[in-house]
Each structure stands twice: as structure tokens, then as C-alpha cells.
């Protein structure tokens, strides 16, 4: 039996790419923090965002655009927005 092709979505791919750039930028800023304790605190809080981004990307890479894709993106965005509102970066 042939493997089902994953459904692609160019707009969604752009959102994932933009999310990746946002995660990389914040991580770079966190790594630039000189105070080790503050850096650890920020990294610990941002790990939730990184986890949700990785889940979003992995789901799209494996399954393509599906019913769960928008929910994963919303979860990632909410976590990112929450991090930005709680931590000054």
C-alpha cells in the first residue's frame, strides 16, 4: 500500500520559518546575558517556547498540514507572547 502524501501549506511554512527566526533571536539574546543566574532563569522559562516550536515543526515535517497544525501554532504563539510579557529581552 502506498504511503499517504503529507499535505503542504506554503503560508503555514512561512509561519514556521518566522517562528524559527524568533526563537533563534531570543536564544541569542539569552546567551548574551552575562549574569549566569539570570541567564538560567530566562532559559528555563523559554524552554517551554522552544519545546512547543519543536513540536509544531516536527508535526508539520512528519504529517504535513493537518487538523492539529493551527492548534499547535496557537499554543506556540501564546507561549511566546507570555514569555515576552513576563521577561524583558
PDB file of N, CA and C in Angstrom:
ATOM      1  N   UNK A   1       0.843  -1.177   0.000  1.00  0.00           N
ATOM      2  CA  UNK A   1       0.000   0.000   0.000  1.00  0.00           C
ATOM      3  C   UNK A   1       0.890   1.244   0.000  1.00  0.00           C
ATOM      4  N   UNK A   2       0.549   2.195  -0.794  1.00  0.00           N
ATOM      5  CA  UNK A   2       1.340   3.418  -0.926  1.00  0.00           C
ATOM      6  C   UNK A   2       1.178   4.296   0.311  1.00  0.00           C
ATOM      7  N   UNK A   3       2.269   4.951   0.662  1.00  0.00           N
ATOM      8  CA  UNK A   3       2.247   5.862   1.800  1.00  0.00           C
ATOM      9  C   UNK A   3       1.495   7.132   1.413  1.00  0.00           C
ATOM     10  N   UNK A   4       0.650   7.597   2.312  1.00  0.00           N
ATOM     11  CA  UNK A   4      -0.132   8.804   2.063  1.00  0.00           C
ATOM     12  C   UNK A   4       0.798  10.020   2.051  1.00  0.00           C
ATOM     13  N   UNK A   5       0.650  10.879   1.077  1.00  0.00           N
ATOM     14  CA  UNK A   5       1.467  12.094   0.981  1.00  0.00           C
ATOM     15  C   UNK A   5       1.008  13.100   2.013  1.00  0.00           C
ATOM     16  N   UNK A   6       1.979  13.800   2.573  1.00  0.00           N
ATOM     17  CA  UNK A   6       1.620  14.814   3.550  1.00  0.00           C
ATOM     18  C   UNK A   6       1.162  16.080   2.822  1.00  0.00           C
ATOM     19  N   UNK A   7       0.190  16.736   3.374  1.00  0.00           N
ATOM     20  CA  UNK A   7      -0.376  17.944   2.786  1.00  0.00           C
ATOM     21  C   UNK A   7       0.513  19.137   3.140  1.00  0.00           C
ATOM     22  N   UNK A   8       0.926  19.890   2.141  1.00  0.00           N
ATOM     23  CA  UNK A   8       1.780  21.053   2.348  1.00  0.00           C
ATOM     24  C   UNK A   8       0.949  22.325   2.320  1.00  0.00           C
ATOM     25  N   UNK A   9       1.474  23.351   2.989  1.00  0.00           N
ATOM     26  CA  UNK A   9       0.789  24.635   3.044  1.00  0.00           C
ATOM     27  C   UNK A   9       1.860  25.723   3.105  1.00  0.00           C
ATOM     28  N   UNK A  10       2.024  26.462   2.019  1.00  0.00           N
ATOM     29  CA  UNK A  10       3.091  27.472   1.922  1.00  0.00           C
ATOM     30  C   UNK A  10       2.964  28.562   2.990  1.00  0.00           C
ATOM     31  N   UNK A  11       1.756  29.034   3.245  1.00  0.00           N
ATOM     32  CA  UNK A  11       1.559  30.073   4.263  1.00  0.00           C
ATOM     33  C   UNK A  11       1.963  29.559   5.640  1.00  0.00           C
ATOM     34  N   UNK A  12       1.618  28.317   5.924  1.00  0.00           N
ATOM     35  CA  UNK A  12       1.969  27.731   7.214  1.00  0.00           C
ATOM     36  C   UNK A  12       3.487  27.554   7.323  1.00  0.00           C
ATOM     37  N   UNK A  13       4.126  27.174   6.222  1.00  0.00           N
ATOM     38  CA  UNK A  13       5.582  27.036   6.209  1.00  0.00           C
ATOM     39  C   UNK A  13       6.257  28.378   6.505  1.00  0.00           C
ATOM     40  N   UNK A  14       5.697  29.456   5.992  1.00  0.00           N
ATOM     41  CA  UNK A  14       6.240  30.789   6.271  1.00  0.00           C
ATOM     42  C   UNK A  14       6.111  31.122   7.755  1.00  0.00           C
ATOM     43  N   UNK A  15       4.998  30.740   8.359  1.00  0.00           N
ATOM     44  CA  UNK A  15       4.793  30.988   9.783  1.00  0.00           C
ATOM     45  C   UNK A  15       5.789  30.175  10.619  1.00  0.00           C
ATOM     46  N   UNK A  16       6.050  28.947  10.209  1.00  0.00           N
ATOM     47  CA  UNK A  16       7.025  28.116  10.914  1.00  0.00           C
ATOM     48  C   UNK A  16       8.416  28.722  10.779  1.00  0.00           C
ATOM     49  N   UNK A  17       8.767  29.182   9.575  1.00  0.00           N
ATOM     50  CA  UNK A  17      10.078  29.793   9.355  1.00  0.00           C
ATOM     51  C   UNK A  17      10.227  31.058  10.204  1.00  0.00           C
ATOM     52  N   UNK A  18       9.201  31.875  10.245  1.00  0.00           N
ATOM     53  CA  UNK A  18       9.215  33.090  11.056  1.00  0.00           C
ATOM     54  C   UNK A  18       9.350  32.747  12.542  1.00  0.00           C
ATOM     55  N   UNK A  19       8.655  31.713  12.962  1.00  0.00           N
ATOM     56  CA  UNK A  19       8.738  31.266  14.352  1.00  0.00           C
ATOM     57  C   UNK A  19      10.148  30.806  14.677  1.00  0.00           C
ATOM     58  N   UNK A  20      10.766  30.097  13.749  1.00  0.00           N
ATOM     59  CA  UNK A  20      12.142  29.630  13.950  1.00  0.00           C
ATOM     60  C   UNK A  20      13.077  30.816  14.149  1.00  0.00           C
ATOM     61  N   UNK A  21      12.939  31.829  13.325  1.00  0.00           N
ATOM     62  CA  UNK A  21      13.789  33.021  13.435  1.00  0.00           C
ATOM     63  C   UNK A  21      13.567  33.735  14.767  1.00  0.00           C
ATOM     64  N   UNK A  22      12.329  33.805  15.226  1.00  0.00           N
ATOM     65  CA  UNK A  22      12.033  34.431  16.515  1.00  0.00           C
ATOM     66  C   UNK A  22      12.677  33.658  17.665  1.00  0.00           C
ATOM     67  N   UNK A  23      12.594  32.337  17.610  1.00  0.00           N
ATOM     68  CA  UNK A  23      13.202  31.502  18.645  1.00  0.00           C
ATOM     69  C   UNK A  23      14.715  31.690  18.641  1.00  0.00           C
ATOM     70  N   UNK A  24      15.329  31.676  17.458  1.00  0.00           N
ATOM     71  CA  UNK A  24      16.777  31.854  17.360  1.00  0.00           C
ATOM     72  C   UNK A  24      17.214  33.218  17.895  1.00  0.00           C
ATOM     73  N   UNK A  25      16.449  34.249  17.609  1.00  0.00           N
ATOM     74  CA  UNK A  25      16.780  35.598  18.073  1.00  0.00           C
ATOM     75  C   UNK A  25      16.732  35.682  19.601  1.00  0.00           C
ATOM     76  N   UNK A  26      15.672  35.157  20.188  1.00  0.00           N
ATOM     77  CA  UNK A  26      15.542  35.202  21.641  1.00  0.00           C
ATOM     78  C   UNK A  26      16.634  34.356  22.298  1.00  0.00           C
ATOM     79  N   UNK A  27      16.933  33.194  21.736  1.00  0.00           N
ATOM     80  CA  UNK A  27      18.005  32.368  22.290  1.00  0.00           C
ATOM     81  C   UNK A  27      19.341  33.093  22.242  1.00  0.00           C
ATOM     82  N   UNK A  28      19.606  33.785  21.146  1.00  0.00           N
ATOM     83  CA  UNK A  28      20.846  34.553  21.040  1.00  0.00           C
ATOM     84  C   UNK A  28      20.904  35.641  22.111  1.00  0.00           C
ATOM     85  N   UNK A  29      19.790  36.302  22.340  1.00  0.00           N
ATOM     86  CA  UNK A  29      19.742  37.340  23.376  1.00  0.00           C
ATOM     87  C   UNK A  29      19.941  36.738  24.767  1.00  0.00           C
ATOM     88  N   UNK A  30      19.368  35.566  24.993  1.00  0.00           N
ATOM     89  CA  UNK A  30      19.534  34.904  26.288  1.00  0.00           C
ATOM     90  C   UNK A  30      20.994  34.514  26.488  1.00  0.00           C
ATOM     91  N   UNK A  31      21.622  33.986  25.462  1.00  0.00           N
ATOM     92  CA  UNK A  31      23.028  33.590  25.571  1.00  0.00           C
ATOM     93  C   UNK A  31      23.946  34.790  25.795  1.00  0.00           C
ATOM     94  N   UNK A  32      23.508  35.978  25.419  1.00  0.00           N
ATOM     95  CA  UNK A  32      24.307  37.191  25.612  1.00  0.00           C
ATOM     96  C   UNK A  32      24.216  37.751  27.035  1.00  0.00           C
ATOM     97  N   UNK A  33      23.317  37.221  27.845  1.00  0.00           N
ATOM     98  CA  UNK A  33      23.177  37.703  29.220  1.00  0.00           C
ATOM     99  C   UNK A  33      24.407  37.272  30.016  1.00  0.00           C
ATOM    100  N   UNK A  34      25.045  38.239  30.669  1.00  0.00           N
ATOM    101  CA  UNK A  34      26.282  37.968  31.405  1.00  0.00           C
ATOM    102  C   UNK A  34      26.043  37.257  32.738  1.00  0.00           C
ATOM    103  N   UNK A  35      25.002  37.649  33.444  1.00  0.00           N
ATOM    104  CA  UNK A  35      24.716  37.062  34.750  1.00  0.00           C
ATOM    105  C   UNK A  35      24.184  35.633  34.565  1.00  0.00           C
ATOM    106  N   UNK A  36      24.936  34.663  35.069  1.00  0.00           N
ATOM    107  CA  UNK A  36      24.599  33.257  34.850  1.00  0.00           C
ATOM    108  C   UNK A  36      23.260  32.869  35.460  1.00  0.00           C
ATOM    109  N   UNK A  37      22.938  33.398  36.626  1.00  0.00           N
ATOM    110  CA  UNK A  37      21.670  33.070  37.283  1.00  0.00           C
ATOM    111  C   UNK A  37      20.477  33.587  36.482  1.00  0.00           C
ATOM    112  N   UNK A  38      20.598  34.809  35.998  1.00  0.00           N
ATOM    113  CA  UNK A  38      19.518  35.382  35.177  1.00  0.00           C
ATOM    114  C   UNK A  38      19.399  34.614  33.863  1.00  0.00           C
ATOM    115  N   UNK A  39      20.537  34.287  33.277  1.00  0.00           N
ATOM    116  CA  UNK A  39      20.526  33.524  32.026  1.00  0.00           C
ATOM    117  C   UNK A  39      19.808  32.182  32.216  1.00  0.00           C
ATOM    118  N   UNK A  40      20.091  31.499  33.308  1.00  0.00           N
ATOM    119  CA  UNK A  40      19.436  30.207  33.591  1.00  0.00           C
ATOM    120  C   UNK A  40      17.937  30.386  33.789  1.00  0.00           C
ATOM    121  N   UNK A  41      17.551  31.461  34.470  1.00  0.00           N
ATOM    122  CA  UNK A  41      16.130  31.731  34.695  1.00  0.00           C
ATOM    123  C   UNK A  41      15.403  31.964  33.372  1.00  0.00           C
ATOM    124  N   UNK A  42      15.990  32.793  32.520  1.00  0.00           N
ATOM    125  CA  UNK A  42      15.398  33.071  31.213  1.00  0.00           C
ATOM    126  C   UNK A  42      15.331  31.801  30.364  1.00  0.00           C
ATOM    127  N   UNK A  43      16.420  31.030  30.370  1.00  0.00           N
ATOM    128  CA  UNK A  43      16.465  29.818  29.564  1.00  0.00           C
ATOM    129  C   UNK A  43      15.423  28.811  30.035  1.00  0.00           C
ATOM    130  N   UNK A  44      15.282  28.690  31.322  1.00  0.00           N
ATOM    131  CA  UNK A  44      14.288  27.779  31.885  1.00  0.00           C
ATOM    132  C   UNK A  44      12.878  28.180  31.443  1.00  0.00           C
ATOM    133  N   UNK A  45      12.590  29.458  31.492  1.00  0.00           N
ATOM    134  CA  UNK A  45      11.266  29.940  31.086  1.00  0.00           C
ATOM    135  C   UNK A  45      11.064  29.795  29.575  1.00  0.00           C
ATOM    136  N   UNK A  46      12.126  30.004  28.810  1.00  0.00           N
ATOM    137  CA  UNK A  46      11.992  29.961  27.341  1.00  0.00           C
ATOM    138  C   UNK A  46      11.961  28.530  26.812  1.00  0.00           C
ATOM    139  N   UNK A  47      12.398  27.565  27.604  1.00  0.00           N
ATOM    140  CA  UNK A  47      12.391  26.170  27.159  1.00  0.00           C
ATOM    141  C   UNK A  47      10.991  25.694  26.779  1.00  0.00           C
ATOM    142  N   UNK A  48       9.971  26.228  27.415  1.00  0.00           N
ATOM    143  CA  UNK A  48       8.584  25.881  27.073  1.00  0.00           C
ATOM    144  C   UNK A  48       8.287  26.307  25.635  1.00  0.00           C
ATOM    145  N   UNK A  49       8.719  27.506  25.274  1.00  0.00           N
ATOM    146  CA  UNK A  49       8.504  28.025  23.921  1.00  0.00           C
ATOM    147  C   UNK A  49       9.263  27.168  22.912  1.00  0.00           C
ATOM    148  N   UNK A  50      10.507  26.840  23.230  1.00  0.00           N
ATOM    149  CA  UNK A  50      11.332  26.018  22.328  1.00  0.00           C
ATOM    150  C   UNK A  50      10.692  24.650  22.139  1.00  0.00           C
ATOM    151  N   UNK A  51      10.205  24.065  23.221  1.00  0.00           N
ATOM    152  CA  UNK A  51       9.545  22.764  23.136  1.00  0.00           C
ATOM    153  C   UNK A  51       8.321  22.822  22.217  1.00  0.00           C
ATOM    154  N   UNK A  52       7.494  23.842  22.385  1.00  0.00           N
ATOM    155  CA  UNK A  52       6.287  23.970  21.559  1.00  0.00           C
ATOM    156  C   UNK A  52       6.631  24.235  20.101  1.00  0.00           C
ATOM    157  N   UNK A  53       7.697  25.009  19.858  1.00  0.00           N
ATOM    158  CA  UNK A  53       8.131  25.222  18.475  1.00  0.00           C
ATOM    159  C   UNK A  53       8.581  23.897  17.858  1.00  0.00           C
ATOM    160  N   UNK A  54       9.385  23.137  18.593  1.00  0.00           N
ATOM    161  CA  UNK A  54       9.872  21.853  18.081  1.00  0.00           C
ATOM    162  C   UNK A  54       8.726  20.888  17.802  1.00  0.00           C
ATOM    163  N   UNK A  55       7.727  20.898  18.658  1.00  0.00           N
ATOM    164  CA  UNK A  55       6.546  20.054  18.459  1.00  0.00           C
ATOM    165  C   UNK A  55       5.802  20.464  17.188  1.00  0.00           C
ATOM    166  N   UNK A  56       5.644  21.761  16.996  1.00  0.00           N
ATOM    167  CA  UNK A  56       4.990  22.299  15.805  1.00  0.00           C
ATOM    168  C   UNK A  56       5.744  21.899  14.539  1.00  0.00           C
ATOM    169  N   UNK A  57       7.046  22.102  14.530  1.00  0.00           N
ATOM    170  CA  UNK A  57       7.876  21.791  13.353  1.00  0.00           C
ATOM    171  C   UNK A  57       7.883  20.303  13.065  1.00  0.00           C
ATOM    172  N   UNK A  58       8.049  19.497  14.088  1.00  0.00           N
ATOM    173  CA  UNK A  58       8.088  18.045  13.903  1.00  0.00           C
ATOM    174  C   UNK A  58       6.759  17.515  13.367  1.00  0.00           C
ATOM    175  N   UNK A  59       5.655  18.028  13.901  1.00  0.00           N
ATOM    176  CA  UNK A  59       4.339  17.607  13.429  1.00  0.00           C
ATOM    177  C   UNK A  59       4.168  17.936  11.948  1.00  0.00           C
ATOM    178  N   UNK A  60       4.588  19.133  11.553  1.00  0.00           N
ATOM    179  CA  UNK A  60       4.450  19.522  10.144  1.00  0.00           C
ATOM    180  C   UNK A  60       5.374  18.684   9.261  1.00  0.00           C
ATOM    181  N   UNK A  61       6.595  18.449   9.711  1.00  0.00           N
ATOM    182  CA  UNK A  61       7.547  17.663   8.922  1.00  0.00           C
ATOM    183  C   UNK A  61       7.077  16.225   8.730  1.00  0.00           C
ATOM    184  N   UNK A  62       6.446  15.662   9.750  1.00  0.00           N
ATOM    185  CA  UNK A  62       6.017  14.274   9.672  1.00  0.00           C
ATOM    186  C   UNK A  62       4.653  14.090   9.026  1.00  0.00           C
ATOM    187  N   UNK A  63       3.716  14.971   9.363  1.00  0.00           N
ATOM    188  CA  UNK A  63       2.327  14.771   8.926  1.00  0.00           C
ATOM    189  C   UNK A  63       1.858  15.781   7.891  1.00  0.00           C
ATOM    190  N   UNK A  64       2.594  16.883   7.754  1.00  0.00           N
ATOM    191  CA  UNK A  64       2.130  17.950   6.877  1.00  0.00           C
ATOM    192  C   UNK A  64       1.082  18.783   7.583  1.00  0.00           C
ATOM    193  N   UNK A  65       0.400  19.613   6.827  1.00  0.00           N
ATOM    194  CA  UNK A  65      -0.648  20.466   7.399  1.00  0.00           C
ATOM    195  C   UNK A  65      -1.849  19.586   7.709  1.00  0.00           C
ATOM    196  N   UNK A  66      -2.310  19.630   8.958  1.00  0.00           N
ATOM    197  CA  UNK A  66      -3.441  18.790   9.368  1.00  0.00           C
ATOM    198  C   UNK A  66      -4.333  19.553  10.345  1.00  0.00           C
ATOM    199  N   UNK A  67      -5.328  18.870  10.865  1.00  0.00           N
ATOM    200  CA  UNK A  67      -6.292  19.498  11.774  1.00  0.00           C
ATOM    201  C   UNK A  67      -5.638  20.062  13.028  1.00  0.00           C
ATOM    202  N   UNK A  68      -4.541  19.467  13.450  1.00  0.00           N
ATOM    203  CA  UNK A  68      -3.856  19.859  14.677  1.00  0.00           C
ATOM    204  C   UNK A  68      -2.878  21.023  14.465  1.00  0.00           C
ATOM    205  N   UNK A  69      -2.539  21.335  13.244  1.00  0.00           N
ATOM    206  CA  UNK A  69      -1.496  22.317  12.944  1.00  0.00           C
ATOM    207  C   UNK A  69      -1.801  23.702  13.506  1.00  0.00           C
ATOM    208  N   UNK A  70      -2.995  24.185  13.276  1.00  0.00           N
ATOM    209  CA  UNK A  70      -3.353  25.520  13.770  1.00  0.00           C
ATOM    210  C   UNK A  70      -3.325  25.581  15.289  1.00  0.00           C
ATOM    211  N   UNK A  71      -3.763  24.506  15.943  1.00  0.00           N
ATOM    212  CA  UNK A  71      -3.748  24.474  17.408  1.00  0.00           C
ATOM    213  C   UNK A  71      -2.317  24.521  17.938  1.00  0.00           C
ATOM    214  N   UNK A  72      -1.410  23.795  17.286  1.00  0.00           N
ATOM    215  CA  UNK A  72      -0.010  23.813  17.701  1.00  0.00           C
ATOM    216  C   UNK A  72       0.593  25.202  17.525  1.00  0.00           C
ATOM    217  N   UNK A  73       0.256  25.851  16.421  1.00  0.00           N
ATOM    218  CA  UNK A  73       0.765  27.195  16.158  1.00  0.00           C
ATOM    219  C   UNK A  73       0.231  28.184  17.196  1.00  0.00           C
ATOM    220  N   UNK A  74      -1.032  28.097  17.520  1.00  0.00           N
ATOM    221  CA  UNK A  74      -1.631  28.978  18.523  1.00  0.00           C
ATOM    222  C   UNK A  74      -0.980  28.745  19.886  1.00  0.00           C
ATOM    223  N   UNK A  75      -0.751  27.488  20.243  1.00  0.00           N
ATOM    224  CA  UNK A  75      -0.094  27.174  21.511  1.00  0.00           C
ATOM    225  C   UNK A  75       1.306  27.764  21.576  1.00  0.00           C
ATOM    226  N   UNK A  76       2.045  27.641  20.480  1.00  0.00           N
ATOM    227  CA  UNK A  76       3.392  28.212  20.415  1.00  0.00           C
ATOM    228  C   UNK A  76       3.326  29.735  20.564  1.00  0.00           C
ATOM    229  N   UNK A  77       2.439  30.378  19.786  1.00  0.00           N
ATOM    230  CA  UNK A  77       2.338  31.842  19.829  1.00  0.00           C
ATOM    231  C   UNK A  77       1.940  32.343  21.213  1.00  0.00           C
ATOM    232  N   UNK A  78       1.007  31.649  21.854  1.00  0.00           N
ATOM    233  CA  UNK A  78       0.589  32.052  23.203  1.00  0.00           C
ATOM    234  C   UNK A  78       1.750  31.945  24.186  1.00  0.00           C
ATOM    235  N   UNK A  79       2.518  30.875  24.089  1.00  0.00           N
ATOM    236  CA  UNK A  79       3.673  30.696  24.979  1.00  0.00           C
ATOM    237  C   UNK A  79       4.730  31.762  24.714  1.00  0.00           C
ATOM    238  N   UNK A  80       4.967  32.075  23.440  1.00  0.00           N
ATOM    239  CA  UNK A  80       5.951  33.099  23.079  1.00  0.00           C
ATOM    240  C   UNK A  80       5.501  34.466  23.599  1.00  0.00           C
ATOM    241  N   UNK A  81       4.247  34.793  23.390  1.00  0.00           N
ATOM    242  CA  UNK A  81       3.708  36.074  23.871  1.00  0.00           C
ATOM    243  C   UNK A  81       3.775  36.164  25.396  1.00  0.00           C
ATOM    244  N   UNK A  82       3.469  35.066  26.062  1.00  0.00           N
ATOM    245  CA  UNK A  82       3.538  35.042  27.531  1.00  0.00           C
ATOM    246  C   UNK A  82       4.979  35.275  27.990  1.00  0.00           C
ATOM    247  N   UNK A  83       5.926  34.622  27.339  1.00  0.00           N
ATOM    248  CA  UNK A  83       7.336  34.814  27.697  1.00  0.00           C
ATOM    249  C   UNK A  83       7.723  36.274  27.514  1.00  0.00           C
ATOM    250  N   UNK A  84       7.356  36.868  26.385  1.00  0.00           N
ATOM    251  CA  UNK A  84       7.702  38.270  26.117  1.00  0.00           C
ATOM    252  C   UNK A  84       7.078  39.217  27.138  1.00  0.00           C
ATOM    253  N   UNK A  85       5.876  38.891  27.610  1.00  0.00           N
ATOM    254  CA  UNK A  85       5.227  39.774  28.576  1.00  0.00           C
ATOM    255  C   UNK A  85       5.822  39.630  29.973  1.00  0.00           C
ATOM    256  N   UNK A  86       6.371  38.476  30.279  1.00  0.00           N
ATOM    257  CA  UNK A  86       6.931  38.230  31.613  1.00  0.00           C
ATOM    258  C   UNK A  86       8.409  38.599  31.722  1.00  0.00           C
ATOM    259  N   UNK A  87       9.139  38.490  30.621  1.00  0.00           N
ATOM    260  CA  UNK A  87      10.587  38.691  30.645  1.00  0.00           C
ATOM    261  C   UNK A  87      10.968  39.778  29.666  1.00  0.00           C
ATOM    262  N   UNK A  88      11.776  40.706  30.132  1.00  0.00           N
ATOM    263  CA  UNK A  88      12.252  41.793  29.286  1.00  0.00           C
ATOM    264  C   UNK A  88      13.490  41.317  28.534  1.00  0.00           C
ATOM    265  N   UNK A  89      13.377  41.228  27.236  1.00  0.00           N
ATOM    266  CA  UNK A  89      14.517  40.736  26.453  1.00  0.00           C
ATOM    267  C   UNK A  89      14.827  41.666  25.307  1.00  0.00           C
TER     268      UNK A  89
END
